[in-house]
C-alpha atoms as a PDB file:
ATOM      1  CA  MET A   1     -17.746  -4.486  -9.317  1.00  0.00           C
ATOM      2  CA  SER A   2     -20.157  -1.708  -8.051  1.00  0.00           C
ATOM      3  CA  SER A   3     -20.774   1.308 -10.347  1.00  0.00           C
ATOM      4  CA  SER A   4     -20.772   3.622  -7.541  1.00  0.00           C
ATOM      5  CA  ILE A   5     -17.956   6.196  -7.516  1.00  0.00           C
ATOM      6  CA  PRO A   6     -16.136   7.042  -4.233  1.00  0.00           C
ATOM      7  CA  PRO A   7     -16.521  10.628  -3.333  1.00  0.00           C
ATOM      8  CA  ASP A   8     -12.645  10.866  -3.294  1.00  0.00           C
ATOM      9  CA  ALA A   9     -12.231   9.047  -6.741  1.00  0.00           C
ATOM     10  CA  VAL A  10      -9.803  11.544  -8.235  1.00  0.00           C
ATOM     11  CA  GLY A  11      -6.272  10.349  -7.319  1.00  0.00           C
ATOM     12  CA  ARG A  12      -7.540   7.028  -6.177  1.00  0.00           C
ATOM     13  CA  ARG A  13      -5.743   3.822  -7.515  1.00  0.00           C
ATOM     14  CA  ILE A  14      -7.873   1.227  -9.416  1.00  0.00           C
ATOM     15  CA  LEU A  15      -7.560  -2.167 -11.018  1.00  0.00           C
ATOM     16  CA  CYS A  16      -9.244  -2.932 -14.424  1.00  0.00           C
ATOM     17  CA  ASN A  17      -8.718  -6.007 -16.218  1.00  0.00           C
ATOM     18  CA  GLY A  18      -5.430  -6.729 -14.652  1.00  0.00           C
ATOM     19  CA  GLU A  19      -4.011  -3.385 -15.195  1.00  0.00           C
ATOM     20  CA  TYR A  20      -3.257  -0.770 -12.612  1.00  0.00           C
ATOM     21  CA  GLY A  21      -3.966   2.870 -12.952  1.00  0.00           C
ATOM     22  CA  THR A  22      -4.829   6.206 -11.269  1.00  0.00           C
ATOM     23  CA  VAL A  23      -8.032   8.208 -11.653  1.00  0.00           C
ATOM     24  CA  LEU A  24      -7.359  11.726 -12.951  1.00  0.00           C
ATOM     25  CA  TYR A  25     -10.891  12.604 -14.073  1.00  0.00           C
ATOM     26  CA  VAL A  26     -14.430  12.064 -13.239  1.00  0.00           C
ATOM     27  CA  GLY A  27     -17.162  13.527 -15.396  1.00  0.00           C
ATOM     28  CA  ASN A  28     -18.910  13.784 -18.778  1.00  0.00           C
ATOM     29  CA  VAL A  29     -17.084  13.562 -21.876  1.00  0.00           C
ATOM     30  CA  PRO A  30     -19.244  14.939 -24.752  1.00  0.00           C
ATOM     31  CA  PRO A  31     -20.625  13.946 -27.100  1.00  0.00           C
ATOM     32  CA  THR A  32     -21.195  10.714 -25.208  1.00  0.00           C
ATOM     33  CA  THR A  33     -23.520  10.468 -22.365  1.00  0.00           C
ATOM     34  CA  GLY A  34     -22.949   9.480 -18.823  1.00  0.00           C
ATOM     35  CA  ILE A  35     -20.039   9.551 -16.443  1.00  0.00           C
ATOM     36  CA  TRP A  36     -16.522   8.526 -17.298  1.00  0.00           C
ATOM     37  CA  LEU A  37     -13.392   7.865 -15.374  1.00  0.00           C
ATOM     38  CA  GLY A  38     -10.173   9.332 -16.857  1.00  0.00           C
ATOM     39  CA  VAL A  39      -7.396   6.856 -15.938  1.00  0.00           C
ATOM     40  CA  GLU A  40      -3.573   7.156 -16.346  1.00  0.00           C
ATOM     41  CA  TRP A  41      -2.347   3.664 -16.662  1.00  0.00           C
ATOM     42  CA  ASP A  42       0.866   2.332 -15.050  1.00  0.00           C
ATOM     43  CA  ASN A  43       1.427   0.632 -18.251  1.00  0.00           C
ATOM     44  CA  HIS A  44       1.268   3.265 -20.996  1.00  0.00           C
ATOM     45  CA  GLN A  45       0.728   0.766 -23.641  1.00  0.00           C
ATOM     46  CA  ARG A  46      -2.716   0.105 -22.010  1.00  0.00           C
ATOM     47  CA  GLY A  47      -3.789   3.567 -22.845  1.00  0.00           C
ATOM     48  CA  LYS A  48      -4.854   5.485 -26.011  1.00  0.00           C
ATOM     49  CA  HIS A  49      -4.111   9.115 -25.522  1.00  0.00           C
ATOM     50  CA  ASN A  50      -2.829  11.674 -23.081  1.00  0.00           C
ATOM     51  CA  GLY A  51      -6.096  12.948 -21.520  1.00  0.00           C
ATOM     52  CA  THR A  52      -7.474  14.749 -24.548  1.00  0.00           C
ATOM     53  CA  HIS A  53     -10.672  13.943 -26.367  1.00  0.00           C
ATOM     54  CA  GLU A  54     -11.833  15.894 -29.545  1.00  0.00           C
ATOM     55  CA  GLY A  55      -9.391  18.895 -28.780  1.00  0.00           C
ATOM     56  CA  ILE A  56     -10.500  19.113 -24.997  1.00  0.00           C
ATOM     57  CA  GLN A  57      -7.788  18.180 -22.304  1.00  0.00           C
ATOM     58  CA  TYR A  58      -9.689  16.451 -19.463  1.00  0.00           C
ATOM     59  CA  PHE A  59      -6.446  15.228 -17.640  1.00  0.00           C
ATOM     60  CA  GLU A  60      -2.720  15.141 -18.306  1.00  0.00           C
ATOM     61  CA  CYS A  61      -0.576  12.111 -18.727  1.00  0.00           C
ATOM     62  CA  ARG A  62       3.147  11.567 -18.251  1.00  0.00           C
ATOM     63  CA  HIS A  63       3.040   9.543 -21.537  1.00  0.00           C
ATOM     64  CA  PRO A  64       1.280  10.526 -24.752  1.00  0.00           C
ATOM     65  CA  THR A  65      -0.562   7.174 -24.940  1.00  0.00           C
ATOM     66  CA  GLY A  66      -0.918   6.661 -20.969  1.00  0.00           C
ATOM     67  CA  GLY A  67      -4.564   7.560 -20.734  1.00  0.00           C
ATOM     68  CA  SER A  68      -7.938   6.422 -21.597  1.00  0.00           C
ATOM     69  CA  PHE A  69     -11.699   6.820 -20.461  1.00  0.00           C
ATOM     70  CA  ILE A  70     -13.519   3.937 -18.708  1.00  0.00           C
ATOM     71  CA  ARG A  71     -16.931   3.432 -17.384  1.00  0.00           C
ATOM     72  CA  PRO A  72     -17.084   3.429 -13.557  1.00  0.00           C
ATOM     73  CA  ASN A  73     -18.321  -0.045 -13.370  1.00  0.00           C
ATOM     74  CA  ARG A  74     -15.187  -1.364 -14.826  1.00  0.00           C
ATOM     75  CA  ALA A  75     -13.129  -0.019 -12.043  1.00  0.00           C
ATOM     76  CA  ASN A  76     -12.139  -1.955  -8.996  1.00  0.00           C
ATOM     77  CA  PHE A  77     -11.371   0.652  -6.387  1.00  0.00           C
ATOM     78  CA  GLY A  78     -10.291  -1.901  -3.678  1.00  0.00           C
ATOM     79  CA  ILE A  79     -11.149  -3.120  -0.291  1.00  0.00           C
ATOM     80  CA  ASP A  80     -10.130  -2.371   3.344  1.00  0.00           C
ATOM     81  CA  PHE A  81      -7.120  -4.031   4.943  1.00  0.00           C
ATOM     82  CA  LEU A  82      -9.198  -6.416   7.233  1.00  0.00           C
ATOM     83  CA  SER A  83     -11.519  -7.522   4.225  1.00  0.00           C
ATOM     84  CA  ALA A  84      -8.279  -8.497   2.561  1.00  0.00           C
ATOM     85  CA  VAL A  85      -6.922 -10.373   5.506  1.00  0.00           C
ATOM     86  CA  ARG A  86     -10.209 -12.351   5.866  1.00  0.00           C
ATOM     87  CA  GLU A  87     -10.254 -13.375   2.346  1.00  0.00           C
ATOM     88  CA  ARG A  88      -6.626 -14.279   2.075  1.00  0.00           C
ATOM     89  CA  TYR A  89      -6.797 -16.602   5.094  1.00  0.00           C
ATOM     90  CA  GLY A  90     -10.229 -17.826   4.520  1.00  0.00           C
ATOM     91  CA  LEU A  91     -11.668 -16.205   7.750  1.00  0.00           C
ATOM     92  CA  ASN A  92     -14.909 -14.840   6.346  1.00  0.00           C
ATOM     93  CA  ASP A  93     -18.118 -15.849   8.021  1.00  0.00           C
ATOM     94  CA  GLY A  94     -16.490 -17.212  11.044  1.00  0.00           C
ATOM     95  CA  GLU A  95     -14.302 -19.782   9.146  1.00  0.00           C
ATOM     96  CA  GLN A  96     -10.847 -20.823  10.399  1.00  0.00           C
ATOM     97  CA  GLY A  97      -7.962 -20.200   7.998  1.00  0.00           C
ATOM     98  CA  THR A  98      -6.400 -22.958   6.039  1.00  0.00           C
ATOM     99  CA  GLU A  99      -2.770 -23.604   6.061  1.00  0.00           C
ATOM    100  CA  ASN A 100      -0.876 -23.134   2.912  1.00  0.00           C
ATOM    101  CA  GLU A 101       1.928 -25.612   3.073  1.00  0.00           C
ATOM    102  CA  THR A 102       4.551 -23.642   1.180  1.00  0.00           C
ATOM    103  CA  GLU A 103       6.878 -21.108   3.021  1.00  0.00           C
ATOM    104  CA  SER A 104       8.402 -18.085   1.546  1.00  0.00           C
ATOM    105  CA  LEU A 105      11.267 -15.616   2.047  1.00  0.00           C
ATOM    106  CA  LEU A 106      10.868 -11.941   2.577  1.00  0.00           C
ATOM    107  CA  VAL A 107      12.771 -10.562  -0.425  1.00  0.00           C
ATOM    108  CA  ILE A 108      12.417  -6.713  -0.497  1.00  0.00           C
ATOM    109  CA  GLY A 109      15.366  -5.565  -2.287  1.00  0.00           C
ATOM    110  CA  ARG A 110      18.829  -6.916  -3.229  1.00  0.00           C
ATOM    111  CA  LYS A 111      18.894  -9.453  -0.429  1.00  0.00           C
ATOM    112  CA  THR A 112      16.643 -11.700   1.528  1.00  0.00           C
ATOM    113  CA  VAL A 113      15.889  -9.979   4.843  1.00  0.00           C
ATOM    114  CA  GLU A 114      14.311 -12.824   7.083  1.00  0.00           C
ATOM    115  CA  ARG A 115      12.459 -16.085   6.801  1.00  0.00           C
ATOM    116  CA  VAL A 116       8.795 -15.278   7.590  1.00  0.00           C
ATOM    117  CA  GLY A 117       5.578 -17.219   7.393  1.00  0.00           C
ATOM    118  CA  PHE A 118       3.741 -15.038   5.082  1.00  0.00           C
ATOM    119  CA  ASP A 119       2.409 -17.962   3.070  1.00  0.00           C
ATOM    120  CA  SER A 120       2.529 -20.530   5.946  1.00  0.00           C
ATOM    121  CA  ILE A 121       0.072 -19.811   8.589  1.00  0.00           C
ATOM    122  CA  LYS A 122       0.666 -22.060  11.518  1.00  0.00           C
ATOM    123  CA  GLU A 123      -2.117 -23.599  13.713  1.00  0.00           C
ATOM    124  CA  LYS A 124      -1.877 -21.025  16.447  1.00  0.00           C
ATOM    125  CA  GLN A 125      -2.234 -18.249  13.669  1.00  0.00           C
ATOM    126  CA  LYS A 126      -5.461 -19.466  12.341  1.00  0.00           C
ATOM    127  CA  GLN A 127      -7.611 -16.885  14.130  1.00  0.00           C
ATOM    128  CA  LEU A 128      -7.222 -13.066  13.343  1.00  0.00           C
ATOM    129  CA  ASN A 129      -6.462 -12.242  16.839  1.00  0.00           C
ATOM    130  CA  LYS A 130      -3.274 -14.487  16.715  1.00  0.00           C
ATOM    131  CA  LEU A 131      -1.855 -13.373  13.539  1.00  0.00           C
ATOM    132  CA  ASN A 132       1.873 -12.171  13.604  1.00  0.00           C
ATOM    133  CA  ASP A 133       2.669 -12.154   9.953  1.00  0.00           C
ATOM    134  CA  VAL A 134      -0.016 -10.816   7.559  1.00  0.00           C
ATOM    135  CA  SER A 135       0.604 -11.132   3.877  1.00  0.00           C
ATOM    136  CA  VAL A 136      -2.070  -9.445   1.667  1.00  0.00           C
ATOM    137  CA  ASP A 137      -0.113  -8.713  -1.433  1.00  0.00           C
ATOM    138  CA  GLU A 138      -2.142  -8.171  -4.679  1.00  0.00           C
ATOM    139  CA  CYS A 139      -5.362  -8.144  -2.645  1.00  0.00           C
ATOM    140  CA  THR A 140      -6.541  -4.617  -3.929  1.00  0.00           C
ATOM    141  CA  VAL A 141      -6.209  -3.145  -0.588  1.00  0.00           C
ATOM    142  CA  SER A 142      -6.986   0.563  -0.820  1.00  0.00           C
ATOM    143  CA  LEU A 143      -8.243   1.768   2.655  1.00  0.00           C
ATOM    144  CA  ALA A 144      -7.442   1.110   6.373  1.00  0.00           C
ATOM    145  CA  GLY A 145     -11.025   0.626   7.057  1.00  0.00           C
ATOM    146  CA  PRO A 146     -13.164   1.800   9.996  1.00  0.00           C
ATOM    147  CA  GLU A 147     -11.121   3.682  12.744  1.00  0.00           C
ATOM    148  CA  GLU A 148      -9.669   1.180  15.255  1.00  0.00           C
ATOM    149  CA  GLU A 149     -11.242  -1.821  13.700  1.00  0.00           C
ATOM    150  CA  ILE A 150      -7.873  -3.549  13.079  1.00  0.00           C
ATOM    151  CA  ARG A 151      -6.893  -3.229  16.825  1.00  0.00           C
ATOM    152  CA  LYS A 152     -10.189  -4.594  17.880  1.00  0.00           C
ATOM    153  CA  THR A 153     -10.285  -7.529  15.524  1.00  0.00           C
ATOM    154  CA  CYS A 154      -6.544  -8.510  15.899  1.00  0.00           C
ATOM    155  CA  PRO A 155      -5.976  -7.971  19.696  1.00  0.00           C
ATOM    156  CA  ASN A 156      -3.323  -9.279  21.934  1.00  0.00           C
ATOM    157  CA  SER A 157      -4.158  -7.848  25.541  1.00  0.00           C
ATOM    158  CA  ASP A 158      -1.463  -7.197  27.744  1.00  0.00           C
ATOM    159  CA  ILE A 159      -1.871  -9.392  30.893  1.00  0.00           C
ATOM    160  CA  PHE A 160      -0.297  -6.687  33.053  1.00  0.00           C
ATOM    161  CA  SER A 161      -2.812  -3.841  31.982  1.00  0.00           C
ATOM    162  CA  GLN A 162      -6.054  -3.376  30.530  1.00  0.00           C
ATOM    163  CA  TYR A 163      -4.597  -1.993  27.320  1.00  0.00           C
ATOM    164  CA  THR A 164      -5.378  -3.879  23.943  1.00  0.00           C
ATOM    165  CA  TYR A 165      -2.947  -3.801  21.195  1.00  0.00           C
ATOM    166  CA  SER A 166      -2.308  -5.599  17.849  1.00  0.00           C
ATOM    167  CA  ASP A 167       0.497  -8.060  17.850  1.00  0.00           C
ATOM    168  CA  ILE A 168       0.977  -7.932  14.026  1.00  0.00           C
ATOM    169  CA  ARG A 169       4.850  -7.927  13.508  1.00  0.00           C
ATOM    170  CA  ARG A 170       5.104  -8.127   9.780  1.00  0.00           C
ATOM    171  CA  ILE A 171       2.943  -6.938   6.931  1.00  0.00           C
ATOM    172  CA  ASN A 172       3.163  -7.450   3.145  1.00  0.00           C
ATOM    173  CA  LEU A 173       1.090  -4.884   1.308  1.00  0.00           C
ATOM    174  CA  SER A 174       2.841  -4.978  -1.853  1.00  0.00           C
ATOM    175  CA  LYS A 175       1.190  -4.391  -5.213  1.00  0.00           C
ATOM    176  CA  ASN A 176      -2.192  -3.126  -3.901  1.00  0.00           C
ATOM    177  CA  LEU A 177      -4.305  -0.028  -4.455  1.00  0.00           C
ATOM    178  CA  LEU A 178      -3.121   2.224  -1.544  1.00  0.00           C
ATOM    179  CA  SER A 179      -2.857   5.842  -2.995  1.00  0.00           C
ATOM    180  CA  SER A 180      -2.110   7.762   0.048  1.00  0.00           C
ATOM    181  CA  TRP A 181       0.626   7.386   2.675  1.00  0.00           C
ATOM    182  CA  MET A 182      -1.902   8.441   5.186  1.00  0.00           C
ATOM    183  CA  GLU A 183      -3.880   5.142   4.826  1.00  0.00           C
ATOM    184  CA  VAL A 184      -0.641   3.272   5.693  1.00  0.00           C
ATOM    185  CA  ILE A 185      -0.158   5.450   8.709  1.00  0.00           C
ATOM    186  CA  ALA A 186      -3.930   4.606   9.641  1.00  0.00           C
ATOM    187  CA  ILE A 187      -2.945   0.839   9.414  1.00  0.00           C
ATOM    188  CA  ALA A 188       0.423   1.092  11.002  1.00  0.00           C
ATOM    189  CA  CYS A 189      -0.919   3.036  13.956  1.00  0.00           C
ATOM    190  CA  GLN A 190      -2.965   0.068  15.067  1.00  0.00           C
ATOM    191  CA  ALA A 191      -0.110  -2.381  14.814  1.00  0.00           C
ATOM    192  CA  GLU A 192       2.220  -0.851  17.415  1.00  0.00           C
ATOM    193  CA  ASN A 193       4.545  -3.938  17.325  1.00  0.00           C
ATOM    194  CA  LEU A 194       5.059  -3.771  13.607  1.00  0.00           C
ATOM    195  CA  GLU A 195       8.733  -4.467  12.603  1.00  0.00           C
ATOM    196  CA  ILE A 196       8.638  -5.257   8.879  1.00  0.00           C
ATOM    197  CA  ALA A 197       6.502  -3.714   6.215  1.00  0.00           C
ATOM    198  CA  ASN A 198       6.583  -4.223   2.538  1.00  0.00           C
ATOM    199  CA  LEU A 199       4.648  -1.450   0.772  1.00  0.00           C
ATOM    200  CA  SER A 200       6.272  -1.793  -2.710  1.00  0.00           C
ATOM    201  CA  GLN A 201       4.285  -1.271  -5.906  1.00  0.00           C
ATOM    202  CA  ASN A 202       1.786   0.992  -4.433  1.00  0.00           C
ATOM    203  CA  LYS A 203       1.807   4.439  -6.273  1.00  0.00           C
ATOM    204  CA  MET A 204       1.077   6.594  -3.383  1.00  0.00           C
ATOM    205  CA  LYS A 205       0.747  10.298  -2.641  1.00  0.00           C
ATOM    206  CA  PHE A 206       3.095  11.173   0.210  1.00  0.00           C
ATOM    207  CA  PRO A 207       2.765  14.103   2.624  1.00  0.00           C
ATOM    208  CA  ALA A 208       4.157  17.512   1.657  1.00  0.00           C
ATOM    209  CA  THR A 209       4.959  18.201   5.331  1.00  0.00           C
ATOM    210  CA  SER A 210       5.963  15.958   8.201  1.00  0.00           C
ATOM    211  CA  PRO A 211       2.965  13.660   9.016  1.00  0.00           C
ATOM    212  CA  PRO A 212       1.594  14.334  12.630  1.00  0.00           C
ATOM    213  CA  ALA A 213       3.136  12.462  15.474  1.00  0.00           C
ATOM    214  CA  SER A 214       1.365   8.937  16.225  1.00  0.00           C
ATOM    215  CA  GLY A 215       2.242   5.607  17.474  1.00  0.00           C
ATOM    216  CA  ALA A 216       2.797   4.249  13.999  1.00  0.00           C
ATOM    217  CA  PHE A 217       6.201   2.674  13.009  1.00  0.00           C
ATOM    218  CA  CYS A 218       7.629   2.978  16.589  1.00  0.00           C
ATOM    219  CA  LYS A 219       9.133  -0.327  16.317  1.00  0.00           C
ATOM    220  CA  LEU A 220       9.746  -0.676  12.559  1.00  0.00           C
ATOM    221  CA  ARG A 221      13.134  -2.039  11.628  1.00  0.00           C
ATOM    222  CA  VAL A 222      12.581  -2.882   7.946  1.00  0.00           C
ATOM    223  CA  LEU A 223      10.586  -0.773   5.345  1.00  0.00           C
ATOM    224  CA  ALA A 224      10.348  -1.393   1.574  1.00  0.00           C
ATOM    225  CA  LEU A 225       9.035   1.338  -0.674  1.00  0.00           C
ATOM    226  CA  ASN A 226      10.090   0.056  -4.093  1.00  0.00           C
ATOM    227  CA  GLN A 227       8.325   1.386  -7.068  1.00  0.00           C
ATOM    228  CA  THR A 228       6.063   3.804  -5.061  1.00  0.00           C
ATOM    229  CA  GLY A 229       7.102   6.828  -6.724  1.00  0.00           C
ATOM    230  CA  VAL A 230       8.349   8.384  -3.552  1.00  0.00           C
ATOM    231  CA  THR A 231      11.048  11.105  -3.597  1.00  0.00           C
ATOM    232  CA  TRP A 232      14.001  11.528  -1.280  1.00  0.00           C
ATOM    233  CA  ALA A 233      12.501  14.689   0.048  1.00  0.00           C
ATOM    234  CA  GLU A 234       9.305  12.920   0.857  1.00  0.00           C
ATOM    235  CA  VAL A 235      11.287   9.999   2.462  1.00  0.00           C
ATOM    236  CA  LEU A 236      13.025  12.568   4.805  1.00  0.00           C
ATOM    237  CA  LEU A 237       9.618  14.009   5.698  1.00  0.00           C
ATOM    238  CA  CYS A 238       8.063  10.816   6.567  1.00  0.00           C
ATOM    239  CA  ALA A 239      11.178   9.512   8.252  1.00  0.00           C
ATOM    240  CA  THR A 240      10.563  11.620  11.393  1.00  0.00           C
ATOM    241  CA  GLY A 241       8.293   8.665  12.618  1.00  0.00           C
ATOM    242  CA  TRP A 242      10.880   5.728  11.645  1.00  0.00           C
ATOM    243  CA  LEU A 243      13.043   6.234  14.759  1.00  0.00           C
ATOM    244  CA  ALA A 244      14.107   2.518  14.895  1.00  0.00           C
ATOM    245  CA  LEU A 245      14.469   1.949  10.982  1.00  0.00           C
ATOM    246  CA  GLU A 246      17.548  -0.051  10.196  1.00  0.00           C
ATOM    247  CA  GLU A 247      16.847  -1.136   6.604  1.00  0.00           C
ATOM    248  CA  LEU A 248      15.087   1.077   3.886  1.00  0.00           C
ATOM    249  CA  TYR A 249      14.476  -0.243   0.340  1.00  0.00           C
ATOM    250  CA  LEU A 250      13.775   2.517  -2.354  1.00  0.00           C
ATOM    251  CA  ALA A 251      14.453   0.638  -5.538  1.00  0.00           C
ATOM    252  CA  SER A 252      13.057   1.883  -9.065  1.00  0.00           C
ATOM    253  CA  ASN A 253      11.896   5.329  -7.579  1.00  0.00           C
ATOM    254  CA  GLU A 254      14.245   7.226  -9.802  1.00  0.00           C
ATOM    255  CA  ILE A 255      15.880   8.931  -6.963  1.00  0.00           C
ATOM    256  CA  SER A 256      18.939  10.904  -8.409  1.00  0.00           C
ATOM    257  CA  VAL A 257      19.489  13.596  -5.679  1.00  0.00           C
ATOM    258  CA  LEU A 258      20.088  13.018  -2.075  1.00  0.00           C
ATOM    259  CA  GLN A 259      20.152  15.374   0.812  1.00  0.00           C
ATOM    260  CA  ARG A 260      21.908  14.348   3.871  1.00  0.00           C
ATOM    261  CA  PRO A 261      19.511  13.403   6.659  1.00  0.00           C
ATOM    262  CA  THR A 262      19.268  15.715   9.672  1.00  0.00           C
ATOM    263  CA  ASP A 263      17.945  14.281  12.837  1.00  0.00           C
ATOM    264  CA  VAL A 264      16.176  11.336  10.965  1.00  0.00           C
ATOM    265  CA  LEU A 265      17.244   7.818   9.733  1.00  0.00           C
ATOM    266  CA  GLN A 266      19.986   7.886  12.448  1.00  0.00           C
ATOM    267  CA  SER A 267      19.646   4.063  13.021  1.00  0.00           C
ATOM    268  CA  LEU A 268      19.744   3.192   9.368  1.00  0.00           C
ATOM    269  CA  LYS A 269      22.270   0.493   8.341  1.00  0.00           C
ATOM    270  CA  TRP A 270      21.099  -0.419   4.902  1.00  0.00           C
ATOM    271  CA  LEU A 271      19.760   1.813   2.173  1.00  0.00           C
ATOM    272  CA  ASP A 272      18.739   0.304  -1.297  1.00  0.00           C
ATOM    273  CA  LEU A 273      18.558   2.955  -4.077  1.00  0.00           C
ATOM    274  CA  SER A 274      18.967   0.673  -7.136  1.00  0.00           C
ATOM    275  CA  GLU A 275      16.830   1.157 -10.172  1.00  0.00           C
ATOM    276  CA  LYS A 276      15.821  -2.344 -10.835  1.00  0.00           C
ATOM    277  CA  ILE A 277      14.336  -4.777  -8.530  1.00  0.00           C
ATOM    278  CA  PRO A 278      15.757  -8.353  -8.893  1.00  0.00           C
ATOM    279  CA  GLY A 279      13.394 -10.794 -10.612  1.00  0.00           C
END
């Protein structure tokens, strides 16, 4: 892990010794020397305090033992989407992917949605530009990466035009280090054919206003946002871009108040607001 600190470190998600957390402070913590990261852990038992050290409040935690200070070189701030894809499918340094013989079911709520090849990459999908189903769950994805790089690397050119687009249909990005919904948009707008997206267990910051119009999510039918911390108000703001959405999974987000959708979610057929995700 690099000891360098991203300029936008505050608010970023990190992984440290198998524990997930959010950076809420970067700076000195006297009387010690050097820079520290103040982290609020998802698992409050991992922490030691509420962001206070020797009577000084450096950051605030929701739980009295949810926070701690760590050195920057212990924090994994994650990698970009394409780096994770290359690592997961063994496509680094020009190598072709290796096929995992097992197959899996896409379970993103109370039921199995559809059988997909997230863990079984067929022969025709061994190159990045032929991937339709991409599974990079638990791969520390935190960023979309360089602008337009996904579309350039995973292209499927339309023979009837000169337009190049990505043919990614399904993405599993669950349990990563995505900290902002805008990073999700940056990925999705380069996957115009995206139909199913699992973004569960990413503690993200969602926009306070409706995101700007883009080509993202125009064909999205199934979306899982379980355990993301999203509120119903934030869902309604983001839903302006989910015109084709049929199934929405929002389990374990502690959503207790619902406002009737107006001009959004009009195609929705299934909504999961349960408080526990089945094993």
